[in-house]
Amino acid sequence: MVSALRDRDDASAMAPQRRIGDIEQLAARNASSPWVVVALGGGLTDLHPAVEAALYRVTQDAVTNAHRHAQHATWVQVAVNGGPTQVR
């Protein structure tokens, strides 16, 4: 926190971490990319913020890779399901 306050040029240090609910924003439609369908289900409540941030980053990377490498894809499906001891 102290380093973030000292380095005022680095606003990203103060930015909030992405959460499970932010995954749905990855479905934003753009004319040059495949349609992205997001389904969140199961017990995705009360996850540790670091787990939620990791899930967002993994999903973001998967969607980015699909946009880059699946040139003829018309849609991408993202499904995140959770339970008491695991998330898929």
PDB file of N, CA and C in Angstrom:
ATOM      1  N   MET A   1       0.822  -1.176   0.000  1.00  0.00           N
ATOM      2  CA  MET A   1       0.000   0.000   0.000  1.00  0.00           C
ATOM      3  C   MET A   1       0.873   1.249   0.000  1.00  0.00           C
ATOM      4  N   VAL A   2       1.925   1.237   0.827  1.00  0.00           N
ATOM      5  CA  VAL A   2       2.781   2.408   0.911  1.00  0.00           C
ATOM      6  C   VAL A   2       3.453   2.676  -0.431  1.00  0.00           C
ATOM      7  N   SER A   3       3.933   1.610  -1.093  1.00  0.00           N
ATOM      8  CA  SER A   3       4.589   1.815  -2.394  1.00  0.00           C
ATOM      9  C   SER A   3       3.603   2.339  -3.430  1.00  0.00           C
ATOM     10  N   ALA A   4       2.349   1.900  -3.356  1.00  0.00           N
ATOM     11  CA  ALA A   4       1.344   2.394  -4.296  1.00  0.00           C
ATOM     12  C   ALA A   4       1.075   3.878  -4.073  1.00  0.00           C
ATOM     13  N   LEU A   5       1.104   4.299  -2.813  1.00  0.00           N
ATOM     14  CA  LEU A   5       0.888   5.714  -2.523  1.00  0.00           C
ATOM     15  C   LEU A   5       2.081   6.566  -2.933  1.00  0.00           C
ATOM     16  N   ARG A   6       3.280   6.003  -2.806  1.00  0.00           N
ATOM     17  CA  ARG A   6       4.481   6.752  -3.188  1.00  0.00           C
ATOM     18  C   ARG A   6       4.587   6.906  -4.699  1.00  0.00           C
ATOM     19  N   ASP A   7       4.268   5.841  -5.440  1.00  0.00           N
ATOM     20  CA  ASP A   7       4.391   5.861  -6.896  1.00  0.00           C
ATOM     21  C   ASP A   7       3.045   6.263  -7.489  1.00  0.00           C
ATOM     22  N   ARG A   8       2.797   7.529  -7.568  1.00  0.00           N
ATOM     23  CA  ARG A   8       1.489   8.031  -8.000  1.00  0.00           C
ATOM     24  C   ARG A   8       1.228   7.820  -9.484  1.00  0.00           C
ATOM     25  N   ASP A   9       2.257   7.500 -10.268  1.00  0.00           N
ATOM     26  CA  ASP A   9       2.078   7.277 -11.698  1.00  0.00           C
ATOM     27  C   ASP A   9       1.515   5.894 -11.998  1.00  0.00           C
ATOM     28  N   ASP A  10       1.594   4.980 -11.049  1.00  0.00           N
ATOM     29  CA  ASP A  10       1.135   3.617 -11.273  1.00  0.00           C
ATOM     30  C   ASP A  10      -0.263   3.427 -10.692  1.00  0.00           C
ATOM     31  N   ALA A  11      -1.262   3.814 -11.458  1.00  0.00           N
ATOM     32  CA  ALA A  11      -2.651   3.706 -10.998  1.00  0.00           C
ATOM     33  C   ALA A  11      -3.111   2.254 -10.928  1.00  0.00           C
ATOM     34  N   SER A  12      -2.468   1.355 -11.680  1.00  0.00           N
ATOM     35  CA  SER A  12      -2.890  -0.042 -11.674  1.00  0.00           C
ATOM     36  C   SER A  12      -2.668  -0.703 -10.322  1.00  0.00           C
ATOM     37  N   ALA A  13      -1.729  -0.196  -9.529  1.00  0.00           N
ATOM     38  CA  ALA A  13      -1.496  -0.770  -8.207  1.00  0.00           C
ATOM     39  C   ALA A  13      -2.692  -0.559  -7.296  1.00  0.00           C
ATOM     40  N   MET A  14      -3.481   0.464  -7.559  1.00  0.00           N
ATOM     41  CA  MET A  14      -4.643   0.769  -6.718  1.00  0.00           C
ATOM     42  C   MET A  14      -5.947   0.241  -7.314  1.00  0.00           C
ATOM     43  N   ALA A  15      -5.892  -0.291  -8.511  1.00  0.00           N
ATOM     44  CA  ALA A  15      -7.104  -0.773  -9.173  1.00  0.00           C
ATOM     45  C   ALA A  15      -7.634  -2.021  -8.468  1.00  0.00           C
ATOM     46  N   PRO A  16      -8.951  -2.164  -8.366  1.00  0.00           N
ATOM     47  CA  PRO A  16      -9.506  -3.362  -7.736  1.00  0.00           C
ATOM     48  C   PRO A  16      -9.258  -4.590  -8.599  1.00  0.00           C
ATOM     49  N   GLN A  17      -9.122  -5.740  -7.965  1.00  0.00           N
ATOM     50  CA  GLN A  17      -8.940  -6.998  -8.677  1.00  0.00           C
ATOM     51  C   GLN A  17     -10.244  -7.392  -9.370  1.00  0.00           C
ATOM     52  N   ARG A  18     -10.108  -8.071 -10.490  1.00  0.00           N
ATOM     53  CA  ARG A  18     -11.289  -8.590 -11.181  1.00  0.00           C
ATOM     54  C   ARG A  18     -11.889  -9.722 -10.369  1.00  0.00           C
ATOM     55  N   ARG A  19     -13.198  -9.899 -10.495  1.00  0.00           N
ATOM     56  CA  ARG A  19     -13.918 -10.910  -9.724  1.00  0.00           C
ATOM     57  C   ARG A  19     -14.710 -11.802 -10.672  1.00  0.00           C
ATOM     58  N   ILE A  20     -15.406 -12.784 -10.118  1.00  0.00           N
ATOM     59  CA  ILE A  20     -16.203 -13.731 -10.904  1.00  0.00           C
ATOM     60  C   ILE A  20     -17.215 -13.004 -11.774  1.00  0.00           C
ATOM     61  N   GLY A  21     -17.905 -12.037 -11.244  1.00  0.00           N
ATOM     62  CA  GLY A  21     -18.916 -11.302 -12.001  1.00  0.00           C
ATOM     63  C   GLY A  21     -18.353 -10.569 -13.203  1.00  0.00           C
ATOM     64  N   ASP A  22     -17.063 -10.239 -13.164  1.00  0.00           N
ATOM     65  CA  ASP A  22     -16.434  -9.535 -14.281  1.00  0.00           C
ATOM     66  C   ASP A  22     -16.227 -10.437 -15.499  1.00  0.00           C
ATOM     67  N   ILE A  23     -16.301 -11.749 -15.302  1.00  0.00           N
ATOM     68  CA  ILE A  23     -16.124 -12.684 -16.423  1.00  0.00           C
ATOM     69  C   ILE A  23     -17.178 -12.433 -17.494  1.00  0.00           C
ATOM     70  N   GLU A  24     -18.373 -12.063 -17.085  1.00  0.00           N
ATOM     71  CA  GLU A  24     -19.441 -11.812 -18.051  1.00  0.00           C
ATOM     72  C   GLU A  24     -19.109 -10.659 -18.994  1.00  0.00           C
ATOM     73  N   GLN A  25     -18.262  -9.738 -18.559  1.00  0.00           N
ATOM     74  CA  GLN A  25     -17.852  -8.627 -19.421  1.00  0.00           C
ATOM     75  C   GLN A  25     -16.998  -9.090 -20.592  1.00  0.00           C
ATOM     76  N   LEU A  26     -16.410 -10.279 -20.477  1.00  0.00           N
ATOM     77  CA  LEU A  26     -15.609 -10.814 -21.579  1.00  0.00           C
ATOM     78  C   LEU A  26     -16.479 -11.182 -22.774  1.00  0.00           C
ATOM     79  N   ALA A  27     -17.787 -11.215 -22.571  1.00  0.00           N
ATOM     80  CA  ALA A  27     -18.713 -11.559 -23.650  1.00  0.00           C
ATOM     81  C   ALA A  27     -19.087 -10.352 -24.499  1.00  0.00           C
ATOM     82  N   ALA A  28     -18.462  -9.227 -24.266  1.00  0.00           N
ATOM     83  CA  ALA A  28     -18.770  -8.030 -25.061  1.00  0.00           C
ATOM     84  C   ALA A  28     -18.575  -8.339 -26.539  1.00  0.00           C
ATOM     85  N   ARG A  29     -19.563  -8.036 -27.315  1.00  0.00           N
ATOM     86  CA  ARG A  29     -19.573  -8.363 -28.754  1.00  0.00           C
ATOM     87  C   ARG A  29     -18.854  -7.299 -29.548  1.00  0.00           C
ATOM     88  N   ASN A  30     -18.038  -7.761 -30.477  1.00  0.00           N
ATOM     89  CA  ASN A  30     -17.369  -6.863 -31.405  1.00  0.00           C
ATOM     90  C   ASN A  30     -17.416  -7.529 -32.767  1.00  0.00           C
ATOM     91  N   ALA A  31     -17.585  -6.769 -33.792  1.00  0.00           N
ATOM     92  CA  ALA A  31     -17.858  -7.289 -35.132  1.00  0.00           C
ATOM     93  C   ALA A  31     -16.763  -8.196 -35.668  1.00  0.00           C
ATOM     94  N   SER A  32     -15.532  -8.013 -35.251  1.00  0.00           N
ATOM     95  CA  SER A  32     -14.431  -8.788 -35.815  1.00  0.00           C
ATOM     96  C   SER A  32     -14.069 -10.023 -34.989  1.00  0.00           C
ATOM     97  N   SER A  33     -14.829 -10.335 -33.955  1.00  0.00           N
ATOM     98  CA  SER A  33     -14.487 -11.483 -33.121  1.00  0.00           C
ATOM     99  C   SER A  33     -15.680 -12.423 -32.992  1.00  0.00           C
ATOM    100  N   PRO A  34     -15.395 -13.673 -32.590  1.00  0.00           N
ATOM    101  CA  PRO A  34     -16.507 -14.612 -32.389  1.00  0.00           C
ATOM    102  C   PRO A  34     -17.408 -14.169 -31.245  1.00  0.00           C
ATOM    103  N   TRP A  35     -18.621 -14.626 -31.287  1.00  0.00           N
ATOM    104  CA  TRP A  35     -19.580 -14.380 -30.225  1.00  0.00           C
ATOM    105  C   TRP A  35     -19.139 -15.184 -29.000  1.00  0.00           C
ATOM    106  N   VAL A  36     -19.107 -14.587 -27.823  1.00  0.00           N
ATOM    107  CA  VAL A  36     -18.683 -15.254 -26.586  1.00  0.00           C
ATOM    108  C   VAL A  36     -19.906 -15.457 -25.700  1.00  0.00           C
ATOM    109  N   VAL A  37     -20.133 -16.711 -25.300  1.00  0.00           N
ATOM    110  CA  VAL A  37     -21.244 -17.067 -24.421  1.00  0.00           C
ATOM    111  C   VAL A  37     -20.642 -17.425 -23.068  1.00  0.00           C
ATOM    112  N   VAL A  38     -21.108 -16.788 -22.005  1.00  0.00           N
ATOM    113  CA  VAL A  38     -20.599 -17.021 -20.656  1.00  0.00           C
ATOM    114  C   VAL A  38     -21.696 -17.630 -19.794  1.00  0.00           C
ATOM    115  N   ALA A  39     -21.367 -18.738 -19.110  1.00  0.00           N
ATOM    116  CA  ALA A  39     -22.302 -19.371 -18.176  1.00  0.00           C
ATOM    117  C   ALA A  39     -21.583 -19.577 -16.847  1.00  0.00           C
ATOM    118  N   LEU A  40     -22.094 -18.951 -15.797  1.00  0.00           N
ATOM    119  CA  LEU A  40     -21.549 -19.112 -14.450  1.00  0.00           C
ATOM    120  C   LEU A  40     -22.557 -19.898 -13.636  1.00  0.00           C
ATOM    121  N   GLY A  41     -22.112 -20.950 -12.952  1.00  0.00           N
ATOM    122  CA  GLY A  41     -23.052 -21.752 -12.194  1.00  0.00           C
ATOM    123  C   GLY A  41     -22.426 -22.418 -10.990  1.00  0.00           C
ATOM    124  N   GLY A  42     -23.259 -23.039 -10.212  1.00  0.00           N
ATOM    125  CA  GLY A  42     -22.777 -23.736  -9.022  1.00  0.00           C
ATOM    126  C   GLY A  42     -22.512 -22.794  -7.872  1.00  0.00           C
ATOM    127  N   GLY A  43     -21.667 -23.232  -6.980  1.00  0.00           N
ATOM    128  CA  GLY A  43     -21.360 -22.460  -5.773  1.00  0.00           C
ATOM    129  C   GLY A  43     -20.175 -21.540  -5.951  1.00  0.00           C
ATOM    130  N   LEU A  44     -20.357 -20.462  -6.667  1.00  0.00           N
ATOM    131  CA  LEU A  44     -19.273 -19.511  -6.906  1.00  0.00           C
ATOM    132  C   LEU A  44     -19.302 -18.341  -5.933  1.00  0.00           C
ATOM    133  N   THR A  45     -20.009 -18.488  -4.842  1.00  0.00           N
ATOM    134  CA  THR A  45     -20.056 -17.432  -3.841  1.00  0.00           C
ATOM    135  C   THR A  45     -19.029 -17.725  -2.757  1.00  0.00           C
ATOM    136  N   ASP A  46     -18.606 -16.703  -2.085  1.00  0.00           N
ATOM    137  CA  ASP A  46     -17.672 -16.814  -0.958  1.00  0.00           C
ATOM    138  C   ASP A  46     -16.310 -17.389  -1.345  1.00  0.00           C
ATOM    139  N   LEU A  47     -15.878 -17.178  -2.589  1.00  0.00           N
ATOM    140  CA  LEU A  47     -14.537 -17.586  -2.982  1.00  0.00           C
ATOM    141  C   LEU A  47     -13.531 -16.542  -2.517  1.00  0.00           C
ATOM    142  N   HIS A  48     -12.339 -16.968  -2.242  1.00  0.00           N
ATOM    143  CA  HIS A  48     -11.276 -16.039  -1.851  1.00  0.00           C
ATOM    144  C   HIS A  48     -11.022 -15.085  -3.024  1.00  0.00           C
ATOM    145  N   PRO A  49     -10.800 -13.804  -2.770  1.00  0.00           N
ATOM    146  CA  PRO A  49     -10.566 -12.842  -3.856  1.00  0.00           C
ATOM    147  C   PRO A  49      -9.427 -13.244  -4.793  1.00  0.00           C
ATOM    148  N   ALA A  50      -8.389 -13.887  -4.274  1.00  0.00           N
ATOM    149  CA  ALA A  50      -7.288 -14.331  -5.130  1.00  0.00           C
ATOM    150  C   ALA A  50      -7.746 -15.429  -6.085  1.00  0.00           C
ATOM    151  N   VAL A  51      -8.646 -16.298  -5.629  1.00  0.00           N
ATOM    152  CA  VAL A  51      -9.188 -17.358  -6.494  1.00  0.00           C
ATOM    153  C   VAL A  51     -10.052 -16.728  -7.576  1.00  0.00           C
ATOM    154  N   GLU A  52     -10.881 -15.766  -7.207  1.00  0.00           N
ATOM    155  CA  GLU A  52     -11.720 -15.089  -8.192  1.00  0.00           C
ATOM    156  C   GLU A  52     -10.860 -14.385  -9.232  1.00  0.00           C
ATOM    157  N   ALA A  53      -9.800 -13.712  -8.800  1.00  0.00           N
ATOM    158  CA  ALA A  53      -8.907 -13.017  -9.736  1.00  0.00           C
ATOM    159  C   ALA A  53      -8.234 -14.016 -10.668  1.00  0.00           C
ATOM    160  N   ALA A  54      -7.816 -15.165 -10.138  1.00  0.00           N
ATOM    161  CA  ALA A  54      -7.177 -16.192 -10.968  1.00  0.00           C
ATOM    162  C   ALA A  54      -8.158 -16.756 -11.991  1.00  0.00           C
ATOM    163  N   LEU A  55      -9.394 -16.993 -11.571  1.00  0.00           N
ATOM    164  CA  LEU A  55     -10.409 -17.498 -12.503  1.00  0.00           C
ATOM    165  C   LEU A  55     -10.668 -16.493 -13.622  1.00  0.00           C
ATOM    166  N   TYR A  56     -10.722 -15.225 -13.272  1.00  0.00           N
ATOM    167  CA  TYR A  56     -10.922 -14.200 -14.296  1.00  0.00           C
ATOM    168  C   TYR A  56      -9.757 -14.215 -15.283  1.00  0.00           C
ATOM    169  N   ARG A  57      -8.523 -14.252 -14.784  1.00  0.00           N
ATOM    170  CA  ARG A  57      -7.353 -14.199 -15.661  1.00  0.00           C
ATOM    171  C   ARG A  57      -7.267 -15.417 -16.580  1.00  0.00           C
ATOM    172  N   VAL A  58      -7.575 -16.607 -16.056  1.00  0.00           N
ATOM    173  CA  VAL A  58      -7.562 -17.821 -16.879  1.00  0.00           C
ATOM    174  C   VAL A  58      -8.614 -17.711 -17.977  1.00  0.00           C
ATOM    175  N   THR A  59      -9.797 -17.245 -17.614  1.00  0.00           N
ATOM    176  CA  THR A  59     -10.873 -17.090 -18.590  1.00  0.00           C
ATOM    177  C   THR A  59     -10.519 -16.029 -19.627  1.00  0.00           C
ATOM    178  N   GLN A  60      -9.960 -14.922 -19.181  1.00  0.00           N
ATOM    179  CA  GLN A  60      -9.542 -13.858 -20.094  1.00  0.00           C
ATOM    180  C   GLN A  60      -8.508 -14.382 -21.086  1.00  0.00           C
ATOM    181  N   ASP A  61      -7.558 -15.163 -20.614  1.00  0.00           N
ATOM    182  CA  ASP A  61      -6.527 -15.721 -21.483  1.00  0.00           C
ATOM    183  C   ASP A  61      -7.135 -16.689 -22.497  1.00  0.00           C
ATOM    184  N   ALA A  62      -8.078 -17.510 -22.058  1.00  0.00           N
ATOM    185  CA  ALA A  62      -8.727 -18.460 -22.968  1.00  0.00           C
ATOM    186  C   ALA A  62      -9.511 -17.745 -24.064  1.00  0.00           C
ATOM    187  N   VAL A  63     -10.244 -16.706 -23.692  1.00  0.00           N
ATOM    188  CA  VAL A  63     -11.023 -15.949 -24.683  1.00  0.00           C
ATOM    189  C   VAL A  63     -10.077 -15.228 -25.648  1.00  0.00           C
ATOM    190  N   THR A  64      -9.013 -14.654 -25.128  1.00  0.00           N
ATOM    191  CA  THR A  64      -8.030 -13.974 -25.981  1.00  0.00           C
ATOM    192  C   THR A  64      -7.405 -14.953 -26.968  1.00  0.00           C
ATOM    193  N   ASN A  65      -7.030 -16.148 -26.498  1.00  0.00           N
ATOM    194  CA  ASN A  65      -6.446 -17.158 -27.386  1.00  0.00           C
ATOM    195  C   ASN A  65      -7.443 -17.608 -28.447  1.00  0.00           C
ATOM    196  N   ALA A  66      -8.704 -17.741 -28.080  1.00  0.00           N
ATOM    197  CA  ALA A  66      -9.724 -18.121 -29.062  1.00  0.00           C
ATOM    198  C   ALA A  66      -9.854 -17.046 -30.133  1.00  0.00           C
ATOM    199  N   HIS A  67      -9.825 -15.792 -29.732  1.00  0.00           N
ATOM    200  CA  HIS A  67      -9.922 -14.690 -30.706  1.00  0.00           C
ATOM    201  C   HIS A  67      -8.721 -14.691 -31.646  1.00  0.00           C
ATOM    202  N   ARG A  68      -7.552 -14.984 -31.115  1.00  0.00           N
ATOM    203  CA  ARG A  68      -6.332 -14.948 -31.928  1.00  0.00           C
ATOM    204  C   ARG A  68      -6.168 -16.149 -32.840  1.00  0.00           C
ATOM    205  N   HIS A  69      -6.517 -17.340 -32.334  1.00  0.00           N
ATOM    206  CA  HIS A  69      -6.137 -18.559 -33.041  1.00  0.00           C
ATOM    207  C   HIS A  69      -7.285 -19.326 -33.683  1.00  0.00           C
ATOM    208  N   ALA A  70      -8.504 -19.066 -33.312  1.00  0.00           N
ATOM    209  CA  ALA A  70      -9.645 -19.759 -33.913  1.00  0.00           C
ATOM    210  C   ALA A  70     -10.251 -18.837 -34.965  1.00  0.00           C
ATOM    211  N   GLN A  71      -9.541 -18.699 -36.053  1.00  0.00           N
ATOM    212  CA  GLN A  71      -9.887 -17.693 -37.060  1.00  0.00           C
ATOM    213  C   GLN A  71     -11.269 -17.871 -37.672  1.00  0.00           C
ATOM    214  N   HIS A  72     -11.747 -19.084 -37.758  1.00  0.00           N
ATOM    215  CA  HIS A  72     -13.041 -19.313 -38.402  1.00  0.00           C
ATOM    216  C   HIS A  72     -14.151 -19.629 -37.394  1.00  0.00           C
ATOM    217  N   ALA A  73     -13.857 -19.451 -36.108  1.00  0.00           N
ATOM    218  CA  ALA A  73     -14.868 -19.718 -35.085  1.00  0.00           C
ATOM    219  C   ALA A  73     -15.954 -18.646 -35.138  1.00  0.00           C
ATOM    220  N   THR A  74     -17.171 -19.056 -34.927  1.00  0.00           N
ATOM    221  CA  THR A  74     -18.275 -18.103 -34.886  1.00  0.00           C
ATOM    222  C   THR A  74     -18.705 -17.807 -33.461  1.00  0.00           C
ATOM    223  N   TRP A  75     -18.363 -18.694 -32.514  1.00  0.00           N
ATOM    224  CA  TRP A  75     -18.683 -18.448 -31.121  1.00  0.00           C
ATOM    225  C   TRP A  75     -17.726 -19.203 -30.214  1.00  0.00           C
ATOM    226  N   VAL A  76     -17.617 -18.714 -28.987  1.00  0.00           N
ATOM    227  CA  VAL A  76     -16.777 -19.306 -27.945  1.00  0.00           C
ATOM    228  C   VAL A  76     -17.648 -19.467 -26.709  1.00  0.00           C
ATOM    229  N   GLN A  77     -17.608 -20.633 -26.087  1.00  0.00           N
ATOM    230  CA  GLN A  77     -18.394 -20.868 -24.885  1.00  0.00           C
ATOM    231  C   GLN A  77     -17.474 -20.920 -23.670  1.00  0.00           C
ATOM    232  N   VAL A  78     -17.816 -20.157 -22.645  1.00  0.00           N
ATOM    233  CA  VAL A  78     -17.089 -20.137 -21.376  1.00  0.00           C
ATOM    234  C   VAL A  78     -18.049 -20.615 -20.304  1.00  0.00           C
ATOM    235  N   ALA A  79     -17.685 -21.698 -19.619  1.00  0.00           N
ATOM    236  CA  ALA A  79     -18.519 -22.221 -18.533  1.00  0.00           C
ATOM    237  C   ALA A  79     -17.660 -22.342 -17.278  1.00  0.00           C
ATOM    238  N   VAL A  80     -18.064 -21.671 -16.227  1.00  0.00           N
ATOM    239  CA  VAL A  80     -17.373 -21.744 -14.934  1.00  0.00           C
ATOM    240  C   VAL A  80     -18.380 -22.260 -13.920  1.00  0.00           C
ATOM    241  N   ASN A  81     -18.075 -23.412 -13.329  1.00  0.00           N
ATOM    242  CA  ASN A  81     -18.961 -24.030 -12.345  1.00  0.00           C
ATOM    243  C   ASN A  81     -18.178 -24.290 -11.068  1.00  0.00           C
ATOM    244  N   GLY A  82     -18.810 -24.054  -9.946  1.00  0.00           N
ATOM    245  CA  GLY A  82     -18.122 -24.245  -8.672  1.00  0.00           C
ATOM    246  C   GLY A  82     -18.880 -25.098  -7.718  1.00  0.00           C
ATOM    247  N   GLY A  83     -18.137 -25.622  -6.783  1.00  0.00           N
ATOM    248  CA  GLY A  83     -18.710 -26.406  -5.695  1.00  0.00           C
ATOM    249  C   GLY A  83     -17.957 -26.076  -4.417  1.00  0.00           C
ATOM    250  N   PRO A  84     -18.230 -26.803  -3.361  1.00  0.00           N
ATOM    251  CA  PRO A  84     -17.600 -26.479  -2.077  1.00  0.00           C
ATOM    252  C   PRO A  84     -16.088 -26.692  -2.075  1.00  0.00           C
ATOM    253  N   THR A  85     -15.584 -27.580  -2.933  1.00  0.00           N
ATOM    254  CA  THR A  85     -14.141 -27.876  -2.904  1.00  0.00           C
ATOM    255  C   THR A  85     -13.427 -27.702  -4.234  1.00  0.00           C
ATOM    256  N   GLN A  86     -14.153 -27.333  -5.281  1.00  0.00           N
ATOM    257  CA  GLN A  86     -13.498 -27.207  -6.574  1.00  0.00           C
ATOM    258  C   GLN A  86     -14.239 -26.235  -7.494  1.00  0.00           C
ATOM    259  N   VAL A  87     -13.501 -25.737  -8.477  1.00  0.00           N
ATOM    260  CA  VAL A  87     -14.078 -24.892  -9.512  1.00  0.00           C
ATOM    261  C   VAL A  87     -13.583 -25.414 -10.850  1.00  0.00           C
ATOM    262  N   ARG A  88     -14.514 -25.553 -11.808  1.00  0.00           N
ATOM    263  CA  ARG A  88     -14.146 -26.025 -13.145  1.00  0.00           C
ATOM    264  C   ARG A  88     -14.499 -24.957 -14.150  1.00  0.00           C
TER     265      ARG A  88
END
